[in-house]
């Protein structure tokens, strides 16, 4: 929690400084060097948008929504062994909302050595539930009828 507060404050300070530099007429060359790198800036914007989409779906109790984003692992759960086997863990996304990831390990490789604090990128389908929702379909569809999803962890894609 403290890390999030510090990160948010640092981002706010950067925004205020950039705003002040632009108002003072400092050339764009200097403000560009002080701004976040494009990739990181786009990643933050993308994560915020997707976190907002998930938050809206949760508030409106909507399901069957394709989502993509990333989050920090806050709890690793035991695999679900009934029916199709699923690797399960909780992610906290940018809005501080938590979601359950249910990754079908009968159709895609499991993420080895996943730990609390790790960052996981995801693409899948959001299903509402009162606890925050579930993202599943984080794998290919062997029948080709559903949009394929994936998980990324430590530079490896699992689909």
N, C-alpha and C. Protein backbone atom coordinates (compact mmCIF):
# COMPACT_ATOMS: atom_id res chain seq x y z
N UNK A 1 0.83 -1.19 0.00
CA UNK A 1 0.00 0.00 0.00
C UNK A 1 0.87 1.25 0.00
N UNK A 2 1.93 1.24 0.80
CA UNK A 2 2.81 2.40 0.88
C UNK A 2 3.50 2.63 -0.46
N UNK A 3 3.90 1.53 -1.15
CA UNK A 3 4.54 1.67 -2.45
C UNK A 3 3.60 2.32 -3.46
N UNK A 4 2.31 1.96 -3.40
CA UNK A 4 1.32 2.53 -4.31
C UNK A 4 1.15 4.02 -4.05
N UNK A 5 1.10 4.39 -2.78
CA UNK A 5 0.94 5.79 -2.43
C UNK A 5 2.14 6.59 -2.92
N UNK A 6 3.34 6.07 -2.69
CA UNK A 6 4.56 6.75 -3.13
C UNK A 6 4.60 6.86 -4.65
N UNK A 7 4.25 5.76 -5.35
CA UNK A 7 4.23 5.78 -6.82
C UNK A 7 3.24 6.80 -7.34
N UNK A 8 2.06 6.86 -6.73
CA UNK A 8 1.04 7.81 -7.16
C UNK A 8 1.51 9.25 -6.92
N UNK A 9 2.15 9.48 -5.78
CA UNK A 9 2.66 10.83 -5.49
C UNK A 9 3.76 11.23 -6.47
N UNK A 10 4.67 10.30 -6.79
CA UNK A 10 5.72 10.60 -7.76
C UNK A 10 5.14 10.93 -9.12
N UNK A 11 4.14 10.17 -9.55
CA UNK A 11 3.50 10.44 -10.83
C UNK A 11 2.84 11.81 -10.81
N UNK A 12 2.17 12.14 -9.72
CA UNK A 12 1.52 13.44 -9.58
C UNK A 12 2.54 14.57 -9.63
N UNK A 13 3.67 14.40 -8.94
CA UNK A 13 4.73 15.42 -8.95
C UNK A 13 5.26 15.61 -10.38
N UNK A 14 5.47 14.51 -11.11
CA UNK A 14 5.94 14.62 -12.50
C UNK A 14 4.94 15.39 -13.35
N UNK A 15 3.66 15.11 -13.18
CA UNK A 15 2.63 15.80 -13.96
C UNK A 15 2.63 17.28 -13.64
N UNK A 16 2.70 17.62 -12.35
CA UNK A 16 2.72 19.03 -11.95
C UNK A 16 3.96 19.73 -12.50
N UNK A 17 5.13 19.08 -12.40
CA UNK A 17 6.36 19.69 -12.92
C UNK A 17 6.28 19.92 -14.42
N UNK A 18 5.78 18.93 -15.15
CA UNK A 18 5.64 19.09 -16.60
C UNK A 18 4.67 20.21 -16.93
N UNK A 19 3.60 20.29 -16.19
CA UNK A 19 2.63 21.35 -16.40
C UNK A 19 3.27 22.72 -16.18
N UNK A 20 4.05 22.84 -15.11
CA UNK A 20 4.73 24.10 -14.81
C UNK A 20 5.76 24.45 -15.87
N UNK A 21 6.50 23.44 -16.36
CA UNK A 21 7.49 23.69 -17.41
C UNK A 21 6.82 24.19 -18.68
N UNK A 22 5.69 23.58 -19.04
CA UNK A 22 4.99 24.00 -20.24
C UNK A 22 4.44 25.40 -20.11
N UNK A 23 3.93 25.76 -18.92
CA UNK A 23 3.40 27.10 -18.69
C UNK A 23 4.50 28.16 -18.71
N UNK A 24 5.71 27.78 -18.30
CA UNK A 24 6.79 28.75 -18.24
C UNK A 24 7.47 28.96 -19.59
N UNK A 25 7.00 28.26 -20.62
CA UNK A 25 7.54 28.47 -21.95
C UNK A 25 8.84 27.73 -22.22
N UNK A 26 9.19 26.75 -21.38
CA UNK A 26 10.39 25.97 -21.61
C UNK A 26 10.19 25.15 -22.88
N UNK A 27 11.23 25.03 -23.67
CA UNK A 27 11.11 24.32 -24.95
C UNK A 27 10.67 22.88 -24.75
N UNK A 28 10.03 22.33 -25.77
CA UNK A 28 9.56 20.95 -25.72
C UNK A 28 10.69 19.96 -25.55
N UNK A 29 11.90 20.31 -26.01
CA UNK A 29 13.02 19.39 -25.87
C UNK A 29 13.27 19.05 -24.41
N UNK A 30 13.22 20.06 -23.55
CA UNK A 30 13.47 19.82 -22.12
C UNK A 30 12.31 19.04 -21.52
N UNK A 31 11.07 19.44 -21.81
CA UNK A 31 9.93 18.74 -21.20
C UNK A 31 9.86 17.30 -21.69
N UNK A 32 10.29 17.04 -22.91
CA UNK A 32 10.29 15.67 -23.41
C UNK A 32 11.27 14.82 -22.61
N UNK A 33 12.40 15.38 -22.28
CA UNK A 33 13.39 14.61 -21.51
C UNK A 33 12.91 14.33 -20.10
N UNK A 34 12.02 15.16 -19.55
CA UNK A 34 11.57 14.97 -18.18
C UNK A 34 10.34 14.06 -18.13
N UNK A 35 9.63 13.94 -19.27
CA UNK A 35 8.39 13.16 -19.28
C UNK A 35 8.68 11.67 -19.23
N UNK A 36 7.63 10.91 -18.92
CA UNK A 36 7.75 9.45 -18.90
C UNK A 36 8.06 8.95 -20.30
N UNK A 37 8.82 7.90 -20.45
CA UNK A 37 9.04 7.32 -21.78
C UNK A 37 7.70 6.96 -22.41
N UNK A 38 7.61 7.10 -23.72
CA UNK A 38 6.35 6.84 -24.43
C UNK A 38 5.75 5.49 -24.09
N UNK A 39 6.55 4.44 -24.11
CA UNK A 39 6.04 3.09 -23.85
C UNK A 39 5.44 2.99 -22.46
N UNK A 40 6.15 3.55 -21.47
CA UNK A 40 5.64 3.49 -20.09
C UNK A 40 4.38 4.32 -19.95
N UNK A 41 4.35 5.49 -20.58
CA UNK A 41 3.19 6.35 -20.52
C UNK A 41 1.98 5.66 -21.15
N UNK A 42 2.18 5.03 -22.31
CA UNK A 42 1.09 4.32 -22.97
C UNK A 42 0.63 3.14 -22.15
N UNK A 43 1.57 2.46 -21.50
CA UNK A 43 1.23 1.31 -20.67
C UNK A 43 0.36 1.75 -19.49
N UNK A 44 0.70 2.87 -18.86
CA UNK A 44 -0.09 3.39 -17.74
C UNK A 44 -1.48 3.78 -18.22
N UNK A 45 -1.54 4.46 -19.37
CA UNK A 45 -2.83 4.87 -19.93
C UNK A 45 -3.68 3.65 -20.26
N UNK A 46 -3.08 2.64 -20.89
CA UNK A 46 -3.78 1.41 -21.26
C UNK A 46 -4.29 0.68 -20.02
N UNK A 47 -3.43 0.58 -19.00
CA UNK A 47 -3.82 -0.11 -17.76
C UNK A 47 -4.96 0.62 -17.08
N UNK A 48 -4.91 1.94 -17.06
CA UNK A 48 -5.97 2.72 -16.43
C UNK A 48 -7.29 2.53 -17.15
N UNK A 49 -7.24 2.55 -18.50
CA UNK A 49 -8.45 2.37 -19.30
C UNK A 49 -9.06 0.99 -19.04
N UNK A 50 -8.23 -0.05 -19.05
CA UNK A 50 -8.74 -1.40 -18.84
C UNK A 50 -9.21 -1.62 -17.41
N UNK A 51 -8.50 -1.03 -16.45
CA UNK A 51 -8.95 -1.12 -15.06
C UNK A 51 -10.31 -0.45 -14.92
N UNK A 52 -10.49 0.66 -15.61
CA UNK A 52 -11.77 1.36 -15.59
C UNK A 52 -12.86 0.51 -16.24
N UNK A 53 -12.54 -0.16 -17.35
CA UNK A 53 -13.51 -1.05 -18.01
C UNK A 53 -13.94 -2.17 -17.07
N UNK A 54 -12.99 -2.76 -16.38
CA UNK A 54 -13.30 -3.84 -15.44
C UNK A 54 -14.10 -3.29 -14.26
N UNK A 55 -13.70 -2.14 -13.74
CA UNK A 55 -14.42 -1.52 -12.63
C UNK A 55 -15.87 -1.22 -13.03
N UNK A 56 -16.08 -0.68 -14.24
CA UNK A 56 -17.44 -0.40 -14.73
C UNK A 56 -18.25 -1.69 -14.88
N UNK A 57 -17.63 -2.73 -15.44
CA UNK A 57 -18.32 -4.01 -15.59
C UNK A 57 -18.72 -4.57 -14.22
N UNK A 58 -17.82 -4.41 -13.24
CA UNK A 58 -18.14 -4.89 -11.89
C UNK A 58 -19.32 -4.11 -11.31
N UNK A 59 -19.27 -2.77 -11.41
CA UNK A 59 -20.33 -1.93 -10.85
C UNK A 59 -21.69 -2.22 -11.51
N UNK A 60 -21.65 -2.49 -12.82
CA UNK A 60 -22.88 -2.74 -13.57
C UNK A 60 -23.26 -4.22 -13.61
N UNK A 61 -22.48 -5.06 -12.95
CA UNK A 61 -22.70 -6.50 -12.90
C UNK A 61 -22.81 -7.11 -14.31
N UNK A 62 -21.86 -6.71 -15.18
CA UNK A 62 -21.84 -7.17 -16.57
C UNK A 62 -20.82 -8.29 -16.73
N UNK A 63 -21.07 -9.16 -17.69
CA UNK A 63 -20.19 -10.29 -17.98
C UNK A 63 -19.96 -10.41 -19.47
N UNK A 64 -19.09 -11.37 -19.83
CA UNK A 64 -18.78 -11.66 -21.23
C UNK A 64 -18.15 -10.47 -21.94
N UNK A 65 -17.22 -9.80 -21.23
CA UNK A 65 -16.54 -8.63 -21.77
C UNK A 65 -15.08 -8.97 -21.97
N UNK A 66 -14.58 -8.76 -23.20
CA UNK A 66 -13.16 -8.99 -23.48
C UNK A 66 -12.35 -7.89 -22.80
N UNK A 67 -11.35 -8.29 -22.05
CA UNK A 67 -10.51 -7.34 -21.31
C UNK A 67 -9.04 -7.68 -21.51
N UNK A 68 -8.22 -6.67 -21.33
CA UNK A 68 -6.77 -6.83 -21.42
C UNK A 68 -6.15 -5.84 -20.46
N UNK A 69 -5.09 -6.24 -19.79
CA UNK A 69 -4.43 -5.34 -18.85
C UNK A 69 -3.33 -6.06 -18.10
N UNK A 70 -3.03 -5.54 -16.92
CA UNK A 70 -2.04 -6.21 -16.09
C UNK A 70 -2.33 -5.88 -14.64
N UNK A 71 -1.75 -6.67 -13.77
CA UNK A 71 -1.94 -6.45 -12.35
C UNK A 71 -0.83 -7.13 -11.57
N UNK A 72 -0.88 -6.90 -10.27
CA UNK A 72 0.11 -7.47 -9.35
C UNK A 72 -0.55 -8.63 -8.63
N UNK A 73 0.16 -9.76 -8.58
CA UNK A 73 -0.37 -10.94 -7.89
C UNK A 73 -0.45 -10.64 -6.39
N UNK A 74 -1.66 -10.81 -5.83
CA UNK A 74 -1.82 -10.59 -4.38
C UNK A 74 -2.07 -11.89 -3.63
N UNK A 75 -2.43 -12.96 -4.38
CA UNK A 75 -2.60 -14.26 -3.73
C UNK A 75 -2.58 -15.35 -4.79
N UNK A 76 -1.81 -16.39 -4.52
CA UNK A 76 -1.77 -17.58 -5.38
C UNK A 76 -2.65 -18.63 -4.72
N UNK A 77 -3.60 -19.14 -5.47
CA UNK A 77 -4.57 -20.10 -4.94
C UNK A 77 -4.25 -21.50 -5.46
N UNK A 78 -4.84 -22.48 -4.82
CA UNK A 78 -4.68 -23.87 -5.27
C UNK A 78 -5.37 -24.03 -6.62
N UNK A 79 -4.83 -24.93 -7.44
CA UNK A 79 -5.46 -25.22 -8.73
C UNK A 79 -6.85 -25.80 -8.50
N UNK A 80 -7.76 -25.46 -9.41
CA UNK A 80 -9.09 -26.06 -9.43
C UNK A 80 -8.96 -27.35 -10.22
N UNK A 81 -9.23 -28.47 -9.58
CA UNK A 81 -9.04 -29.77 -10.22
C UNK A 81 -10.35 -30.38 -10.74
N UNK A 82 -11.49 -29.74 -10.49
CA UNK A 82 -12.76 -30.31 -10.93
C UNK A 82 -13.05 -29.89 -12.37
N UNK A 83 -13.45 -30.86 -13.19
CA UNK A 83 -13.68 -30.58 -14.62
C UNK A 83 -12.36 -30.21 -15.29
N UNK A 84 -12.39 -29.19 -16.12
CA UNK A 84 -11.15 -28.69 -16.72
C UNK A 84 -10.31 -28.06 -15.61
N UNK A 85 -9.03 -28.40 -15.59
CA UNK A 85 -8.17 -27.89 -14.52
C UNK A 85 -7.79 -26.43 -14.78
N UNK A 86 -7.82 -25.61 -13.73
CA UNK A 86 -7.50 -24.20 -13.84
C UNK A 86 -6.49 -23.77 -12.78
N UNK A 87 -5.47 -23.05 -13.21
CA UNK A 87 -4.55 -22.38 -12.28
C UNK A 87 -5.24 -21.09 -11.87
N UNK A 88 -5.23 -20.80 -10.56
CA UNK A 88 -5.99 -19.64 -10.08
C UNK A 88 -5.11 -18.75 -9.21
N UNK A 89 -5.27 -17.43 -9.40
CA UNK A 89 -4.59 -16.46 -8.56
C UNK A 89 -5.35 -15.14 -8.63
N UNK A 90 -5.14 -14.32 -7.61
CA UNK A 90 -5.79 -13.01 -7.55
C UNK A 90 -4.81 -11.94 -8.00
N UNK A 91 -5.31 -11.01 -8.82
CA UNK A 91 -4.53 -9.86 -9.27
C UNK A 91 -5.18 -8.59 -8.76
N UNK A 92 -4.37 -7.64 -8.39
CA UNK A 92 -4.86 -6.30 -8.12
C UNK A 92 -4.48 -5.45 -9.31
N UNK A 93 -5.48 -4.82 -9.95
CA UNK A 93 -5.24 -4.03 -11.14
C UNK A 93 -5.10 -2.55 -10.76
N UNK A 94 -4.89 -1.69 -11.75
CA UNK A 94 -4.58 -0.28 -11.52
C UNK A 94 -5.60 0.45 -10.65
N UNK A 95 -6.87 0.08 -10.73
CA UNK A 95 -7.91 0.75 -9.95
C UNK A 95 -7.96 0.23 -8.51
N UNK A 96 -7.04 -0.64 -8.15
CA UNK A 96 -6.98 -1.32 -6.85
C UNK A 96 -8.12 -2.31 -6.67
N UNK A 97 -8.74 -2.66 -7.78
CA UNK A 97 -9.79 -3.68 -7.82
C UNK A 97 -9.09 -5.03 -7.94
N UNK A 98 -9.60 -6.04 -7.26
CA UNK A 98 -8.98 -7.36 -7.40
C UNK A 98 -9.87 -8.26 -8.24
N UNK A 99 -9.22 -9.08 -9.07
CA UNK A 99 -9.92 -10.03 -9.93
C UNK A 99 -9.26 -11.39 -9.79
N UNK A 100 -10.05 -12.42 -10.01
CA UNK A 100 -9.55 -13.79 -10.03
C UNK A 100 -9.18 -14.15 -11.46
N UNK A 101 -8.00 -14.66 -11.65
CA UNK A 101 -7.60 -15.20 -12.95
C UNK A 101 -7.78 -16.71 -12.87
N UNK A 102 -8.55 -17.27 -13.81
CA UNK A 102 -8.77 -18.72 -13.90
C UNK A 102 -8.23 -19.17 -15.25
N UNK A 103 -7.03 -19.72 -15.24
CA UNK A 103 -6.28 -20.07 -16.46
C UNK A 103 -6.36 -21.57 -16.70
N UNK A 104 -6.99 -21.98 -17.79
CA UNK A 104 -7.22 -23.39 -18.10
C UNK A 104 -5.89 -24.07 -18.45
N UNK A 105 -5.42 -24.91 -17.54
CA UNK A 105 -4.12 -25.58 -17.75
C UNK A 105 -4.27 -26.93 -18.46
N UNK A 106 -5.49 -27.25 -18.88
CA UNK A 106 -5.67 -28.39 -19.78
C UNK A 106 -5.47 -27.94 -21.23
N UNK A 107 -5.62 -26.63 -21.49
CA UNK A 107 -5.49 -26.09 -22.85
C UNK A 107 -4.25 -25.24 -23.04
N UNK A 108 -3.65 -24.79 -21.97
CA UNK A 108 -2.47 -23.91 -22.08
C UNK A 108 -1.51 -24.25 -20.94
N UNK A 109 -0.22 -23.95 -21.14
CA UNK A 109 0.75 -24.24 -20.07
C UNK A 109 0.47 -23.41 -18.81
N UNK A 110 0.78 -23.98 -17.67
CA UNK A 110 0.64 -23.26 -16.41
C UNK A 110 1.81 -22.31 -16.25
N UNK A 111 1.62 -21.27 -15.49
CA UNK A 111 2.71 -20.34 -15.17
C UNK A 111 3.48 -20.95 -14.00
N UNK A 112 4.72 -21.27 -14.25
CA UNK A 112 5.56 -21.84 -13.19
C UNK A 112 6.14 -20.73 -12.33
N UNK A 113 6.31 -21.00 -11.07
CA UNK A 113 6.98 -20.10 -10.11
C UNK A 113 6.31 -18.75 -9.97
N UNK A 114 5.00 -18.68 -10.11
CA UNK A 114 4.31 -17.41 -9.91
C UNK A 114 4.26 -17.12 -8.41
N UNK A 115 4.51 -15.87 -8.05
CA UNK A 115 4.59 -15.51 -6.64
C UNK A 115 3.86 -14.19 -6.38
N UNK A 116 3.46 -14.00 -5.14
CA UNK A 116 2.87 -12.74 -4.72
C UNK A 116 3.85 -11.61 -5.04
N UNK A 117 3.32 -10.53 -5.62
CA UNK A 117 4.15 -9.39 -6.00
C UNK A 117 4.53 -9.38 -7.46
N UNK A 118 4.42 -10.53 -8.15
CA UNK A 118 4.74 -10.61 -9.57
C UNK A 118 3.72 -9.82 -10.39
N UNK A 119 4.15 -9.32 -11.53
CA UNK A 119 3.26 -8.66 -12.48
C UNK A 119 2.85 -9.67 -13.54
N UNK A 120 1.56 -9.71 -13.82
CA UNK A 120 1.03 -10.59 -14.85
C UNK A 120 0.17 -9.75 -15.79
N UNK A 121 0.46 -9.86 -17.08
CA UNK A 121 -0.37 -9.24 -18.12
C UNK A 121 -1.39 -10.28 -18.55
N UNK A 122 -2.58 -9.81 -18.93
CA UNK A 122 -3.63 -10.75 -19.28
C UNK A 122 -4.50 -10.24 -20.42
N UNK A 123 -5.07 -11.20 -21.14
CA UNK A 123 -6.14 -10.94 -22.09
C UNK A 123 -7.10 -12.10 -21.94
N UNK A 124 -8.36 -11.78 -21.74
CA UNK A 124 -9.35 -12.82 -21.54
C UNK A 124 -10.75 -12.24 -21.50
N UNK A 125 -11.64 -12.98 -20.89
CA UNK A 125 -13.04 -12.57 -20.81
C UNK A 125 -13.43 -12.38 -19.35
N UNK A 126 -14.02 -11.22 -19.04
CA UNK A 126 -14.42 -10.89 -17.67
C UNK A 126 -15.83 -11.43 -17.40
N UNK A 127 -15.97 -12.08 -16.26
CA UNK A 127 -17.27 -12.55 -15.77
C UNK A 127 -17.50 -11.94 -14.40
N UNK A 128 -18.62 -11.26 -14.23
CA UNK A 128 -18.94 -10.63 -12.95
C UNK A 128 -19.22 -11.67 -11.87
N UNK A 129 -18.80 -11.36 -10.66
CA UNK A 129 -19.27 -12.04 -9.46
C UNK A 129 -19.14 -11.04 -8.31
N UNK A 130 -19.81 -11.26 -7.20
CA UNK A 130 -19.81 -10.26 -6.12
C UNK A 130 -18.44 -10.05 -5.45
N UNK A 131 -17.49 -10.93 -5.71
CA UNK A 131 -16.17 -10.80 -5.08
C UNK A 131 -15.21 -9.96 -5.91
N UNK A 132 -15.60 -9.55 -7.12
CA UNK A 132 -14.71 -8.74 -7.95
C UNK A 132 -14.67 -9.18 -9.39
N UNK A 133 -15.03 -10.42 -9.64
CA UNK A 133 -15.08 -10.92 -11.01
C UNK A 133 -13.95 -11.88 -11.33
N UNK A 134 -14.12 -12.58 -12.43
CA UNK A 134 -13.17 -13.59 -12.89
C UNK A 134 -12.78 -13.26 -14.32
N UNK A 135 -11.50 -13.42 -14.63
CA UNK A 135 -11.05 -13.35 -16.02
C UNK A 135 -10.66 -14.78 -16.41
N UNK A 136 -11.34 -15.29 -17.43
CA UNK A 136 -11.03 -16.62 -17.95
C UNK A 136 -10.86 -16.51 -19.46
N UNK A 137 -10.79 -17.61 -20.17
CA UNK A 137 -10.46 -17.64 -21.60
C UNK A 137 -9.10 -16.98 -21.83
N UNK A 138 -8.16 -17.28 -20.93
CA UNK A 138 -6.79 -16.75 -21.05
C UNK A 138 -5.93 -17.75 -21.82
N UNK A 139 -6.51 -18.32 -22.87
CA UNK A 139 -5.84 -19.35 -23.67
C UNK A 139 -6.49 -19.35 -25.05
N UNK A 140 -5.94 -20.12 -25.96
CA UNK A 140 -6.53 -20.26 -27.30
C UNK A 140 -7.81 -21.09 -27.19
N UNK A 141 -8.67 -20.97 -28.19
CA UNK A 141 -9.86 -21.81 -28.28
C UNK A 141 -9.58 -22.89 -29.31
N UNK A 142 -9.46 -24.15 -28.89
CA UNK A 142 -9.14 -25.21 -29.84
C UNK A 142 -10.19 -25.38 -30.94
N UNK A 143 -11.42 -24.91 -30.70
CA UNK A 143 -12.47 -25.01 -31.72
C UNK A 143 -12.55 -23.75 -32.58
N UNK A 144 -11.79 -22.71 -32.22
CA UNK A 144 -11.75 -21.49 -33.00
C UNK A 144 -13.03 -20.66 -32.99
N UNK A 145 -13.87 -20.84 -31.99
CA UNK A 145 -15.14 -20.11 -31.91
C UNK A 145 -15.07 -18.90 -30.98
N UNK A 146 -14.02 -18.81 -30.21
CA UNK A 146 -13.89 -17.75 -29.20
C UNK A 146 -12.57 -17.02 -29.41
N UNK A 147 -12.57 -15.74 -29.14
CA UNK A 147 -11.33 -14.98 -29.23
C UNK A 147 -10.33 -15.55 -28.22
N UNK A 148 -9.14 -15.84 -28.69
CA UNK A 148 -8.12 -16.41 -27.81
C UNK A 148 -7.55 -15.36 -26.87
N UNK A 149 -7.21 -15.80 -25.68
CA UNK A 149 -6.58 -14.92 -24.70
C UNK A 149 -5.20 -15.43 -24.37
N UNK A 150 -4.56 -14.82 -23.37
CA UNK A 150 -3.21 -15.20 -22.96
C UNK A 150 -2.87 -14.58 -21.61
N UNK A 151 -1.81 -15.09 -21.03
CA UNK A 151 -1.19 -14.51 -19.85
C UNK A 151 0.28 -14.31 -20.17
N UNK A 152 0.89 -13.24 -19.63
CA UNK A 152 2.32 -13.04 -19.76
C UNK A 152 2.91 -12.85 -18.37
N UNK A 153 4.02 -13.55 -18.14
CA UNK A 153 4.69 -13.48 -16.85
C UNK A 153 6.19 -13.64 -17.11
N UNK A 154 6.97 -12.71 -16.59
CA UNK A 154 8.43 -12.74 -16.76
C UNK A 154 8.85 -12.92 -18.22
N UNK A 155 8.17 -12.25 -19.13
CA UNK A 155 8.54 -12.29 -20.54
C UNK A 155 8.07 -13.51 -21.30
N UNK A 156 7.33 -14.40 -20.66
CA UNK A 156 6.83 -15.60 -21.32
C UNK A 156 5.31 -15.49 -21.49
N UNK A 157 4.84 -15.87 -22.67
CA UNK A 157 3.40 -15.84 -22.95
C UNK A 157 2.85 -17.25 -22.84
N UNK A 158 1.72 -17.37 -22.16
CA UNK A 158 1.04 -18.65 -21.94
C UNK A 158 -0.34 -18.55 -22.60
N UNK A 159 -0.52 -19.38 -23.67
CA UNK A 159 -1.81 -19.32 -24.38
C UNK A 159 -2.21 -20.68 -24.91
